[in-house]
């Protein structure tokens, strides 16, 4: 649906600009919407991959992985926020200086503090030297080391473990999951068929569907 909405919005804005023969909407805004339209059109390919049983299995794996880690991601957000708040408060000691404990991403210090911990723990993007300045720098350095341990070692490995369990469960029913995704695809487009006309000569019609 997002693909349809973004494409419709982009085409509407583009048409209005042509009709009025002026830049009624800024080109920068149209580029952003066009970029999202392209992105969601490519993501839509995952939906049509369910036509093929060998690929439908992987679509099921992606859905199930996202579903299984959704609750755990809340815990990841909490640990990122906890260390981020520490950096956010300690960064006040550097007010008026060129140095900072935070990376610049969105320009909001609180959001940037959380993203800084994410970059440190999940991506390993950090410069230890920036934590050696300011009052109480040894406390900041200690928390920096703690953040790398908790986020990188504990939480990221727990996440990998959850994803591994999900892979094993989906792998055990690979054929069944592939067929299920194909059936879901058929059910999504059953409205294109006139069932009353197709089964007009049939006395009984049995339609099987899951309870939930």
N, C-alpha and C. Protein backbone atom coordinates (compact mmCIF):
# COMPACT_ATOMS: atom_id res chain seq x y z
N UNK A 1 0.83 -1.20 0.00
CA UNK A 1 0.00 0.00 0.00
C UNK A 1 0.87 1.26 0.00
N UNK A 2 1.99 1.23 0.72
CA UNK A 2 2.87 2.39 0.74
C UNK A 2 3.42 2.67 -0.65
N UNK A 3 3.69 1.62 -1.41
CA UNK A 3 4.17 1.81 -2.78
C UNK A 3 3.12 2.52 -3.62
N UNK A 4 1.86 2.11 -3.49
CA UNK A 4 0.78 2.74 -4.25
C UNK A 4 0.59 4.20 -3.83
N UNK A 5 0.61 4.44 -2.52
CA UNK A 5 0.41 5.80 -2.02
C UNK A 5 1.52 6.74 -2.49
N UNK A 6 2.77 6.29 -2.36
CA UNK A 6 3.89 7.15 -2.74
C UNK A 6 3.90 7.44 -4.24
N UNK A 7 3.61 6.42 -5.04
CA UNK A 7 3.57 6.64 -6.49
C UNK A 7 2.42 7.56 -6.88
N UNK A 8 1.26 7.35 -6.25
CA UNK A 8 0.11 8.21 -6.54
C UNK A 8 0.39 9.65 -6.13
N UNK A 9 0.99 9.84 -4.96
CA UNK A 9 1.31 11.18 -4.49
C UNK A 9 2.31 11.86 -5.42
N UNK A 10 3.35 11.12 -5.81
CA UNK A 10 4.36 11.69 -6.70
C UNK A 10 3.76 12.08 -8.04
N UNK A 11 2.96 11.20 -8.63
CA UNK A 11 2.35 11.49 -9.93
C UNK A 11 1.38 12.67 -9.84
N UNK A 12 0.66 12.75 -8.73
CA UNK A 12 -0.28 13.87 -8.53
C UNK A 12 0.47 15.20 -8.46
N UNK A 13 1.54 15.23 -7.66
CA UNK A 13 2.33 16.45 -7.54
C UNK A 13 2.98 16.82 -8.86
N UNK A 14 3.47 15.82 -9.57
CA UNK A 14 4.12 16.06 -10.87
C UNK A 14 3.12 16.61 -11.88
N UNK A 15 1.91 16.04 -11.88
CA UNK A 15 0.88 16.49 -12.82
C UNK A 15 0.45 17.93 -12.52
N UNK A 16 0.30 18.25 -11.24
CA UNK A 16 -0.08 19.62 -10.86
C UNK A 16 0.96 20.62 -11.33
N UNK A 17 2.23 20.27 -11.18
CA UNK A 17 3.30 21.17 -11.63
C UNK A 17 3.25 21.38 -13.14
N UNK A 18 2.92 20.32 -13.88
CA UNK A 18 2.84 20.44 -15.34
C UNK A 18 1.65 21.30 -15.74
N UNK A 19 0.49 21.04 -15.11
CA UNK A 19 -0.71 21.79 -15.45
C UNK A 19 -0.54 23.27 -15.15
N UNK A 20 0.00 23.58 -14.00
CA UNK A 20 0.19 24.99 -13.61
C UNK A 20 1.43 25.61 -14.24
N UNK A 21 2.28 24.76 -14.85
CA UNK A 21 3.50 25.22 -15.51
C UNK A 21 4.38 26.07 -14.58
N UNK A 22 4.48 25.61 -13.36
CA UNK A 22 5.34 26.26 -12.38
C UNK A 22 5.73 25.24 -11.32
N UNK A 23 6.72 25.59 -10.53
CA UNK A 23 7.17 24.68 -9.47
C UNK A 23 6.24 24.84 -8.27
N UNK A 24 5.01 24.28 -8.41
CA UNK A 24 4.01 24.40 -7.35
C UNK A 24 4.49 23.69 -6.09
N UNK A 25 5.16 22.55 -6.27
CA UNK A 25 5.81 21.83 -5.17
C UNK A 25 7.31 21.89 -5.40
N UNK A 26 8.07 22.02 -4.33
CA UNK A 26 9.53 22.12 -4.49
C UNK A 26 10.09 20.82 -5.05
N UNK A 27 11.09 20.97 -5.89
CA UNK A 27 11.71 19.79 -6.50
C UNK A 27 12.37 18.90 -5.44
N UNK A 28 12.87 19.52 -4.36
CA UNK A 28 13.49 18.73 -3.30
C UNK A 28 12.48 17.79 -2.65
N UNK A 29 11.27 18.31 -2.39
CA UNK A 29 10.22 17.49 -1.79
C UNK A 29 9.82 16.36 -2.73
N UNK A 30 9.71 16.67 -4.01
CA UNK A 30 9.32 15.66 -4.99
C UNK A 30 10.39 14.58 -5.12
N UNK A 31 11.66 14.98 -5.00
CA UNK A 31 12.73 14.00 -5.05
C UNK A 31 12.66 13.03 -3.87
N UNK A 32 12.34 13.56 -2.68
CA UNK A 32 12.22 12.71 -1.50
C UNK A 32 11.08 11.70 -1.68
N UNK A 33 9.92 12.20 -2.12
CA UNK A 33 8.77 11.31 -2.31
C UNK A 33 9.06 10.31 -3.43
N UNK A 34 9.72 10.77 -4.49
CA UNK A 34 10.09 9.86 -5.57
C UNK A 34 11.06 8.79 -5.10
N UNK A 35 11.97 9.17 -4.19
CA UNK A 35 12.92 8.19 -3.65
C UNK A 35 12.20 7.12 -2.84
N UNK A 36 11.23 7.55 -2.01
CA UNK A 36 10.44 6.57 -1.25
C UNK A 36 9.61 5.69 -2.18
N UNK A 37 9.08 6.28 -3.24
CA UNK A 37 8.29 5.50 -4.20
C UNK A 37 9.14 4.40 -4.83
N UNK A 38 10.37 4.75 -5.22
CA UNK A 38 11.28 3.76 -5.79
C UNK A 38 11.63 2.68 -4.77
N UNK A 39 11.88 3.12 -3.53
CA UNK A 39 12.25 2.17 -2.47
C UNK A 39 11.14 1.14 -2.25
N UNK A 40 9.91 1.61 -2.08
CA UNK A 40 8.81 0.68 -1.80
C UNK A 40 8.45 -0.17 -3.02
N UNK A 41 8.72 0.32 -4.22
CA UNK A 41 8.49 -0.51 -5.41
C UNK A 41 9.45 -1.69 -5.43
N UNK A 42 10.69 -1.47 -5.03
CA UNK A 42 11.64 -2.57 -4.96
C UNK A 42 11.29 -3.53 -3.82
N UNK A 43 10.86 -2.97 -2.68
CA UNK A 43 10.44 -3.83 -1.57
C UNK A 43 9.26 -4.71 -1.97
N UNK A 44 8.42 -4.20 -2.86
CA UNK A 44 7.26 -4.96 -3.33
C UNK A 44 7.67 -6.26 -4.01
N UNK A 45 8.89 -6.31 -4.51
CA UNK A 45 9.37 -7.53 -5.16
C UNK A 45 9.34 -8.71 -4.19
N UNK A 46 9.61 -8.43 -2.90
CA UNK A 46 9.56 -9.52 -1.92
C UNK A 46 8.18 -10.15 -1.88
N UNK A 47 7.15 -9.35 -2.08
CA UNK A 47 5.77 -9.87 -2.07
C UNK A 47 5.57 -10.85 -3.22
N UNK A 48 6.06 -10.50 -4.41
CA UNK A 48 5.85 -11.35 -5.59
C UNK A 48 6.80 -12.53 -5.61
N UNK A 49 7.82 -12.52 -4.76
CA UNK A 49 8.70 -13.69 -4.68
C UNK A 49 7.96 -14.93 -4.22
N UNK A 50 6.79 -14.73 -3.59
CA UNK A 50 6.02 -15.87 -3.09
C UNK A 50 5.42 -16.69 -4.23
N UNK A 51 5.52 -16.20 -5.47
CA UNK A 51 5.07 -16.99 -6.61
C UNK A 51 5.91 -18.25 -6.78
N UNK A 52 7.14 -18.21 -6.33
CA UNK A 52 8.07 -19.33 -6.49
C UNK A 52 8.33 -19.96 -5.13
N UNK A 53 8.14 -21.26 -5.04
CA UNK A 53 8.21 -21.93 -3.75
C UNK A 53 9.60 -21.82 -3.13
N UNK A 54 10.65 -21.88 -3.93
CA UNK A 54 12.01 -21.80 -3.38
C UNK A 54 12.28 -20.43 -2.76
N UNK A 55 11.66 -19.37 -3.31
CA UNK A 55 11.83 -18.02 -2.77
C UNK A 55 10.81 -17.71 -1.68
N UNK A 56 9.63 -18.35 -1.77
CA UNK A 56 8.58 -18.11 -0.78
C UNK A 56 9.05 -18.50 0.62
N UNK A 57 9.90 -19.50 0.70
CA UNK A 57 10.44 -19.93 1.99
C UNK A 57 11.22 -18.79 2.65
N UNK A 58 12.01 -18.08 1.87
CA UNK A 58 12.81 -16.98 2.42
C UNK A 58 11.95 -15.79 2.83
N UNK A 59 10.87 -15.57 2.10
CA UNK A 59 9.94 -14.50 2.48
C UNK A 59 9.34 -14.82 3.85
N UNK A 60 8.96 -16.07 4.05
CA UNK A 60 8.45 -16.50 5.35
C UNK A 60 9.50 -16.33 6.43
N UNK A 61 10.75 -16.62 6.10
CA UNK A 61 11.85 -16.49 7.06
C UNK A 61 12.03 -15.04 7.49
N UNK A 62 11.93 -14.11 6.55
CA UNK A 62 12.06 -12.69 6.87
C UNK A 62 10.93 -12.24 7.78
N UNK A 63 9.69 -12.59 7.42
CA UNK A 63 8.54 -12.21 8.24
C UNK A 63 8.65 -12.76 9.65
N UNK A 64 9.01 -14.04 9.75
CA UNK A 64 9.07 -14.69 11.05
C UNK A 64 10.19 -14.13 11.90
N UNK A 65 11.32 -13.80 11.27
CA UNK A 65 12.43 -13.22 12.01
C UNK A 65 12.06 -11.87 12.61
N UNK A 66 11.43 -11.02 11.80
CA UNK A 66 11.00 -9.71 12.29
C UNK A 66 10.00 -9.86 13.43
N UNK A 67 9.10 -10.83 13.30
CA UNK A 67 8.10 -11.06 14.34
C UNK A 67 8.74 -11.54 15.64
N UNK A 68 9.72 -12.42 15.54
CA UNK A 68 10.34 -13.00 16.74
C UNK A 68 11.23 -12.02 17.49
N UNK A 69 11.85 -11.08 16.77
CA UNK A 69 12.77 -10.16 17.44
C UNK A 69 12.08 -8.87 17.87
N UNK A 70 10.80 -8.69 17.54
CA UNK A 70 10.12 -7.43 17.83
C UNK A 70 10.10 -7.13 19.34
N UNK A 71 9.82 -8.15 20.17
CA UNK A 71 9.80 -7.94 21.62
C UNK A 71 11.20 -7.67 22.16
N UNK A 72 12.18 -8.39 21.63
CA UNK A 72 13.56 -8.21 22.09
C UNK A 72 14.10 -6.84 21.73
N UNK A 73 13.65 -6.28 20.59
CA UNK A 73 14.13 -4.98 20.17
C UNK A 73 13.75 -3.88 21.16
N UNK A 74 12.67 -4.10 21.91
CA UNK A 74 12.31 -3.15 22.96
C UNK A 74 13.40 -3.11 24.03
N UNK A 75 13.93 -4.28 24.37
CA UNK A 75 15.02 -4.34 25.35
C UNK A 75 16.28 -3.69 24.80
N UNK A 76 16.52 -3.87 23.51
CA UNK A 76 17.68 -3.22 22.88
C UNK A 76 17.52 -1.71 22.95
N UNK A 77 16.31 -1.22 22.68
CA UNK A 77 16.06 0.22 22.74
C UNK A 77 16.30 0.76 24.15
N UNK A 78 15.90 -0.03 25.17
CA UNK A 78 16.09 0.41 26.56
C UNK A 78 17.57 0.51 26.90
N UNK A 79 18.37 -0.49 26.50
CA UNK A 79 19.79 -0.46 26.83
C UNK A 79 20.50 0.67 26.07
N UNK A 80 20.08 0.93 24.84
CA UNK A 80 20.66 2.04 24.08
C UNK A 80 20.31 3.37 24.72
N UNK A 81 19.06 3.49 25.18
CA UNK A 81 18.62 4.74 25.81
C UNK A 81 19.33 4.96 27.13
N UNK A 82 19.56 3.90 27.90
CA UNK A 82 20.21 4.04 29.21
C UNK A 82 21.63 4.58 29.06
N UNK A 83 22.42 3.99 28.18
CA UNK A 83 23.78 4.49 27.95
C UNK A 83 23.75 5.85 27.24
N UNK A 84 22.76 6.03 26.36
CA UNK A 84 22.63 7.30 25.66
C UNK A 84 22.35 8.45 26.61
N UNK A 85 21.49 8.20 27.60
CA UNK A 85 21.19 9.24 28.59
C UNK A 85 22.42 9.62 29.40
N UNK A 86 23.25 8.62 29.69
CA UNK A 86 24.50 8.91 30.42
C UNK A 86 25.37 9.85 29.60
N UNK A 87 25.54 9.56 28.32
CA UNK A 87 26.35 10.43 27.47
C UNK A 87 25.70 11.80 27.31
N UNK A 88 24.38 11.81 27.21
CA UNK A 88 23.66 13.08 27.03
C UNK A 88 23.90 14.03 28.21
N UNK A 89 23.85 13.48 29.43
CA UNK A 89 24.05 14.31 30.62
C UNK A 89 25.51 14.72 30.76
N UNK A 90 26.42 13.76 30.59
CA UNK A 90 27.85 14.06 30.73
C UNK A 90 28.34 15.02 29.66
N UNK A 91 27.66 15.03 28.53
CA UNK A 91 28.07 15.92 27.45
C UNK A 91 27.89 17.39 27.84
N UNK A 92 27.10 17.65 28.90
CA UNK A 92 26.92 19.02 29.38
C UNK A 92 28.23 19.59 29.94
N UNK A 93 29.12 18.71 30.36
CA UNK A 93 30.41 19.17 30.88
C UNK A 93 31.29 19.77 29.77
N UNK A 94 30.92 19.49 28.52
CA UNK A 94 31.72 19.98 27.39
C UNK A 94 31.09 21.20 26.74
N UNK A 95 30.10 21.79 27.40
CA UNK A 95 29.44 22.98 26.85
C UNK A 95 30.45 24.11 26.68
N UNK A 96 30.48 24.69 25.51
CA UNK A 96 31.43 25.77 25.23
C UNK A 96 32.75 25.29 24.68
N UNK A 97 32.93 23.97 24.59
CA UNK A 97 34.15 23.42 24.02
C UNK A 97 33.86 22.85 22.63
N UNK A 98 34.91 22.65 21.87
CA UNK A 98 34.75 22.06 20.54
C UNK A 98 34.53 20.55 20.62
N UNK A 99 34.98 19.94 21.71
CA UNK A 99 34.86 18.49 21.87
C UNK A 99 33.42 18.10 22.21
N UNK A 100 33.06 16.88 21.90
CA UNK A 100 31.73 16.35 22.23
C UNK A 100 31.80 14.84 22.31
N UNK A 101 30.98 14.27 23.17
CA UNK A 101 30.91 12.81 23.28
C UNK A 101 29.97 12.22 22.24
N UNK A 102 29.17 13.06 21.61
CA UNK A 102 28.10 12.59 20.73
C UNK A 102 28.45 12.78 19.27
N UNK A 103 27.95 11.88 18.44
CA UNK A 103 28.02 12.08 17.01
C UNK A 103 26.88 12.99 16.58
N UNK A 104 27.03 13.62 15.44
CA UNK A 104 25.99 14.51 14.93
C UNK A 104 25.24 13.79 13.82
N UNK A 105 23.95 13.50 14.09
CA UNK A 105 23.14 12.77 13.11
C UNK A 105 21.88 13.57 12.75
N UNK A 106 21.05 13.87 13.74
CA UNK A 106 19.81 14.61 13.49
C UNK A 106 19.85 16.03 14.05
N UNK A 107 20.90 16.37 14.79
CA UNK A 107 20.98 17.69 15.37
C UNK A 107 20.29 17.83 16.71
N UNK A 108 19.60 16.78 17.15
CA UNK A 108 18.98 16.75 18.47
C UNK A 108 19.88 15.95 19.40
N UNK A 109 20.37 16.57 20.47
CA UNK A 109 21.37 15.92 21.32
C UNK A 109 20.88 14.61 21.91
N UNK A 110 19.61 14.58 22.35
CA UNK A 110 19.11 13.35 22.98
C UNK A 110 19.04 12.21 21.97
N UNK A 111 18.51 12.50 20.79
CA UNK A 111 18.43 11.47 19.75
C UNK A 111 19.83 11.08 19.30
N UNK A 112 20.70 12.07 19.15
CA UNK A 112 22.07 11.78 18.72
C UNK A 112 22.82 10.93 19.76
N UNK A 113 22.49 11.11 21.04
CA UNK A 113 23.16 10.32 22.08
C UNK A 113 22.79 8.84 21.96
N UNK A 114 21.52 8.56 21.68
CA UNK A 114 21.08 7.17 21.51
C UNK A 114 21.70 6.57 20.25
N UNK A 115 21.71 7.34 19.17
CA UNK A 115 22.31 6.86 17.92
C UNK A 115 23.81 6.65 18.07
N UNK A 116 24.44 7.47 18.89
CA UNK A 116 25.88 7.30 19.12
C UNK A 116 26.18 5.95 19.76
N UNK A 117 25.35 5.56 20.74
CA UNK A 117 25.53 4.25 21.38
C UNK A 117 25.25 3.13 20.38
N UNK A 118 24.25 3.32 19.53
CA UNK A 118 23.97 2.32 18.50
C UNK A 118 25.16 2.16 17.55
N UNK A 119 25.73 3.28 17.14
CA UNK A 119 26.88 3.23 16.24
C UNK A 119 28.08 2.56 16.92
N UNK A 120 28.22 2.81 18.22
CA UNK A 120 29.32 2.19 18.97
C UNK A 120 29.13 0.69 19.11
N UNK A 121 27.94 0.29 19.59
CA UNK A 121 27.72 -1.12 19.91
C UNK A 121 27.42 -1.99 18.72
N UNK A 122 26.55 -1.53 17.82
CA UNK A 122 26.11 -2.38 16.72
C UNK A 122 27.04 -2.32 15.51
N UNK A 123 27.60 -1.13 15.24
CA UNK A 123 28.39 -0.96 14.03
C UNK A 123 29.88 -0.79 14.30
N UNK A 124 30.26 -0.58 15.57
CA UNK A 124 31.67 -0.40 15.89
C UNK A 124 32.25 0.90 15.37
N UNK A 125 31.38 1.91 15.19
CA UNK A 125 31.83 3.19 14.67
C UNK A 125 32.07 4.15 15.83
N UNK A 126 33.32 4.28 16.28
CA UNK A 126 33.61 5.14 17.41
C UNK A 126 35.08 5.57 17.38
N UNK A 127 35.36 6.62 18.14
CA UNK A 127 36.72 7.12 18.32
C UNK A 127 36.96 7.25 19.82
N UNK A 128 37.68 6.33 20.44
CA UNK A 128 37.87 6.35 21.90
C UNK A 128 38.46 7.64 22.43
N UNK A 129 39.22 8.35 21.59
CA UNK A 129 39.89 9.57 22.07
C UNK A 129 38.90 10.64 22.48
N UNK A 130 37.71 10.67 21.92
CA UNK A 130 36.76 11.73 22.26
C UNK A 130 36.16 11.54 23.65
N UNK A 131 36.34 10.37 24.25
CA UNK A 131 35.82 10.12 25.60
C UNK A 131 36.87 10.41 26.67
N UNK A 132 38.01 10.92 26.28
CA UNK A 132 39.09 11.19 27.22
C UNK A 132 39.19 12.66 27.60
N UNK A 133 38.20 13.44 27.24
CA UNK A 133 38.22 14.87 27.55
C UNK A 133 37.12 15.21 28.54
N UNK A 134 37.24 16.36 29.16
CA UNK A 134 36.21 16.84 30.07
C UNK A 134 36.36 16.32 31.49
N UNK A 135 35.58 16.90 32.38
CA UNK A 135 35.59 16.51 33.79
C UNK A 135 35.03 15.08 33.93
N UNK A 136 35.72 14.27 34.71
CA UNK A 136 35.26 12.89 34.92
C UNK A 136 35.38 12.03 33.69
N UNK A 137 36.40 12.29 32.87
CA UNK A 137 36.55 11.53 31.63
C UNK A 137 36.76 10.04 31.88
N UNK A 138 37.35 9.69 33.04
CA UNK A 138 37.56 8.28 33.35
C UNK A 138 36.23 7.55 33.58
N UNK A 139 35.21 8.28 34.11
CA UNK A 139 33.89 7.67 34.26
C UNK A 139 33.24 7.46 32.89
N UNK A 140 33.43 8.45 32.04
CA UNK A 140 32.87 8.35 30.70
C UNK A 140 33.52 7.21 29.93
N UNK A 141 34.82 7.07 30.06
CA UNK A 141 35.53 5.99 29.38
C UNK A 141 35.08 4.63 29.90
N UNK A 142 34.85 4.54 31.21
CA UNK A 142 34.36 3.29 31.79
C UNK A 142 32.99 2.92 31.22
N UNK A 143 32.08 3.89 31.12
CA UNK A 143 30.76 3.62 30.57
C UNK A 143 30.82 3.32 29.08
N UNK A 144 31.79 3.92 28.40
CA UNK A 144 31.99 3.59 26.99
C UNK A 144 32.36 2.12 26.83
N UNK A 145 33.27 1.64 27.66
CA UNK A 145 33.66 0.23 27.61
C UNK A 145 32.49 -0.68 27.98
N UNK A 146 31.71 -0.26 28.97
CA UNK A 146 30.54 -1.04 29.37
C UNK A 146 29.52 -1.12 28.24
N UNK A 147 29.33 -0.02 27.53
CA UNK A 147 28.36 -0.01 26.43
C UNK A 147 28.78 -0.96 25.32
N UNK A 148 30.07 -0.98 25.00
CA UNK A 148 30.54 -1.90 23.96
C UNK A 148 30.33 -3.36 24.38
N UNK A 149 30.51 -3.64 25.68
CA UNK A 149 30.34 -5.01 26.16
C UNK A 149 28.87 -5.42 26.14
N UNK A 150 28.01 -4.57 26.71
CA UNK A 150 26.60 -4.93 26.80
C UNK A 150 25.93 -4.98 25.43
N UNK A 151 26.14 -3.94 24.64
CA UNK A 151 25.46 -3.86 23.35
C UNK A 151 26.06 -4.83 22.34
N UNK A 152 27.38 -4.81 22.19
CA UNK A 152 28.02 -5.64 21.17
C UNK A 152 28.08 -7.11 21.55
N UNK A 153 28.51 -7.38 22.78
CA UNK A 153 28.75 -8.77 23.17
C UNK A 153 27.47 -9.46 23.62
N UNK A 154 26.73 -8.85 24.53
CA UNK A 154 25.56 -9.53 25.11
C UNK A 154 24.33 -9.41 24.21
N UNK A 155 23.88 -8.20 23.97
CA UNK A 155 22.61 -8.03 23.27
C UNK A 155 22.68 -8.44 21.80
N UNK A 156 23.76 -8.11 21.10
CA UNK A 156 23.86 -8.48 19.70
C UNK A 156 23.96 -9.99 19.53
N UNK A 157 24.65 -10.66 20.45
CA UNK A 157 24.74 -12.12 20.37
C UNK A 157 23.41 -12.78 20.74
N UNK A 158 22.68 -12.17 21.67
CA UNK A 158 21.33 -12.68 21.97
C UNK A 158 20.44 -12.55 20.74
N UNK A 159 20.56 -11.44 20.03
CA UNK A 159 19.78 -11.22 18.82
C UNK A 159 20.12 -12.26 17.76
N UNK A 160 21.40 -12.54 17.60
CA UNK A 160 21.83 -13.56 16.64
C UNK A 160 21.29 -14.93 17.02
N UNK A 161 21.26 -15.21 18.33
CA UNK A 161 20.74 -16.49 18.81
C UNK A 161 19.25 -16.63 18.49
N UNK A 162 18.49 -15.57 18.72
CA UNK A 162 17.06 -15.60 18.42
C UNK A 162 16.83 -15.82 16.93
N UNK A 163 17.60 -15.15 16.11
CA UNK A 163 17.47 -15.30 14.66
C UNK A 163 17.85 -16.71 14.22
N UNK A 164 18.84 -17.30 14.91
CA UNK A 164 19.24 -18.67 14.60
C UNK A 164 18.14 -19.66 14.93
N UNK A 165 17.46 -19.47 16.07
CA UNK A 165 16.34 -20.34 16.43
C UNK A 165 15.20 -20.22 15.43
N UNK A 166 14.94 -18.99 14.99
CA UNK A 166 13.88 -18.77 14.00
C UNK A 166 14.21 -19.48 12.70
N UNK A 167 15.46 -19.37 12.27
CA UNK A 167 15.89 -20.04 11.04
C UNK A 167 15.68 -21.54 11.14
N UNK A 168 16.02 -22.11 12.30
CA UNK A 168 15.84 -23.55 12.48
C UNK A 168 14.39 -23.96 12.41
N UNK A 169 13.49 -23.21 13.04
CA UNK A 169 12.06 -23.55 13.02
C UNK A 169 11.47 -23.45 11.63
N UNK A 170 11.84 -22.38 10.91
CA UNK A 170 11.31 -22.22 9.55
C UNK A 170 11.90 -23.26 8.62
N UNK A 171 13.17 -23.61 8.83
CA UNK A 171 13.84 -24.61 7.99
C UNK A 171 13.17 -25.97 8.13
N UNK A 172 12.72 -26.30 9.35
CA UNK A 172 12.08 -27.59 9.57
C UNK A 172 10.81 -27.75 8.74
N UNK A 173 10.10 -26.65 8.50
CA UNK A 173 8.88 -26.72 7.69
C UNK A 173 9.03 -25.92 6.41
N UNK A 174 10.18 -26.07 5.74
CA UNK A 174 10.47 -25.26 4.54
C UNK A 174 9.42 -25.46 3.45
N UNK A 175 9.07 -26.72 3.15
CA UNK A 175 8.10 -26.99 2.08
C UNK A 175 6.72 -26.45 2.45
N UNK A 176 6.31 -26.72 3.70
CA UNK A 176 4.99 -26.25 4.14
C UNK A 176 4.91 -24.73 4.14
N UNK A 177 5.98 -24.07 4.61
CA UNK A 177 5.98 -22.61 4.64
C UNK A 177 5.98 -22.01 3.25
N UNK A 178 6.67 -22.66 2.32
CA UNK A 178 6.66 -22.18 0.94
C UNK A 178 5.28 -22.26 0.33
N UNK A 179 4.60 -23.39 0.55
CA UNK A 179 3.24 -23.56 0.03
C UNK A 179 2.27 -22.58 0.69
N UNK A 180 2.46 -22.36 1.98
CA UNK A 180 1.57 -21.45 2.70
C UNK A 180 1.66 -20.04 2.12
N UNK A 181 2.88 -19.57 1.84
CA UNK A 181 3.04 -18.23 1.28
C UNK A 181 2.39 -18.12 -0.09
N UNK A 182 2.45 -19.20 -0.89
CA UNK A 182 1.80 -19.18 -2.19
C UNK A 182 0.28 -19.12 -2.05
N UNK A 183 -0.24 -19.84 -1.06
CA UNK A 183 -1.69 -19.82 -0.83
C UNK A 183 -2.14 -18.44 -0.35
N UNK A 184 -1.34 -17.82 0.51
CA UNK A 184 -1.67 -16.46 0.97
C UNK A 184 -1.70 -15.50 -0.21
N UNK A 185 -0.77 -15.66 -1.15
CA UNK A 185 -0.74 -14.80 -2.34
C UNK A 185 -2.00 -15.00 -3.18
N UNK A 186 -2.43 -16.24 -3.31
CA UNK A 186 -3.66 -16.53 -4.06
C UNK A 186 -4.86 -15.92 -3.36
N UNK A 187 -4.90 -16.06 -2.04
CA UNK A 187 -6.03 -15.51 -1.28
C UNK A 187 -6.08 -13.99 -1.36
N UNK A 188 -4.93 -13.34 -1.47
CA UNK A 188 -4.90 -11.88 -1.59
C UNK A 188 -5.55 -11.39 -2.87
N UNK A 189 -5.56 -12.24 -3.90
CA UNK A 189 -6.07 -11.81 -5.21
C UNK A 189 -7.33 -12.58 -5.62
N UNK A 190 -7.96 -13.23 -4.65
CA UNK A 190 -9.16 -14.00 -4.98
C UNK A 190 -10.31 -13.10 -5.39
N UNK A 191 -10.23 -11.81 -5.00
CA UNK A 191 -11.28 -10.86 -5.35
C UNK A 191 -11.32 -10.58 -6.85
N UNK A 192 -10.25 -10.96 -7.56
CA UNK A 192 -10.23 -10.76 -9.00
C UNK A 192 -11.11 -11.76 -9.75
N UNK A 193 -11.51 -12.82 -9.06
CA UNK A 193 -12.30 -13.88 -9.68
C UNK A 193 -13.77 -13.76 -9.28
N UNK A 194 -14.64 -14.06 -10.20
CA UNK A 194 -16.08 -14.13 -9.94
C UNK A 194 -16.41 -15.56 -9.55
N UNK A 195 -16.36 -15.84 -8.25
CA UNK A 195 -16.55 -17.21 -7.78
C UNK A 195 -17.96 -17.72 -8.07
N UNK A 196 -18.93 -16.83 -8.03
CA UNK A 196 -20.31 -17.25 -8.33
C UNK A 196 -20.43 -17.76 -9.76
N UNK A 197 -19.71 -17.13 -10.66
CA UNK A 197 -19.76 -17.55 -12.06
C UNK A 197 -18.95 -18.82 -12.28
N UNK A 198 -17.78 -18.89 -11.64
CA UNK A 198 -16.91 -20.05 -11.82
C UNK A 198 -17.55 -21.32 -11.29
N UNK A 199 -18.24 -21.21 -10.13
CA UNK A 199 -18.83 -22.39 -9.50
C UNK A 199 -20.36 -22.41 -9.66
N UNK A 200 -20.83 -21.80 -10.73
CA UNK A 200 -22.29 -21.73 -10.95
C UNK A 200 -22.91 -23.11 -11.11
N UNK A 201 -22.19 -24.04 -11.74
CA UNK A 201 -22.74 -25.37 -12.00
C UNK A 201 -22.44 -26.36 -10.88
N UNK A 202 -21.79 -25.92 -9.83
CA UNK A 202 -21.45 -26.81 -8.73
C UNK A 202 -22.53 -26.77 -7.66
N UNK A 203 -22.86 -27.95 -7.14
CA UNK A 203 -23.89 -28.03 -6.12
C UNK A 203 -23.34 -27.64 -4.75
N UNK A 204 -22.12 -28.06 -4.47
CA UNK A 204 -21.50 -27.77 -3.18
C UNK A 204 -20.12 -27.15 -3.41
N UNK A 205 -19.77 -26.21 -2.55
CA UNK A 205 -18.45 -25.57 -2.59
C UNK A 205 -17.87 -25.63 -1.19
N UNK A 206 -16.71 -26.19 -1.05
CA UNK A 206 -16.03 -26.26 0.24
C UNK A 206 -14.83 -25.32 0.19
N UNK A 207 -14.81 -24.39 1.11
CA UNK A 207 -13.68 -23.46 1.21
C UNK A 207 -13.05 -23.60 2.58
N UNK A 208 -11.80 -23.98 2.63
CA UNK A 208 -11.09 -24.23 3.88
C UNK A 208 -10.23 -23.02 4.21
N UNK A 209 -10.34 -22.55 5.43
CA UNK A 209 -9.55 -21.41 5.88
C UNK A 209 -9.18 -21.61 7.33
N UNK A 210 -8.04 -21.07 7.77
CA UNK A 210 -7.65 -21.20 9.19
C UNK A 210 -8.60 -20.42 10.08
N UNK A 211 -8.71 -20.82 11.36
CA UNK A 211 -9.59 -20.14 12.28
C UNK A 211 -9.08 -18.76 12.65
N UNK A 212 -7.76 -18.56 12.65
CA UNK A 212 -7.19 -17.27 13.02
C UNK A 212 -6.09 -16.88 12.07
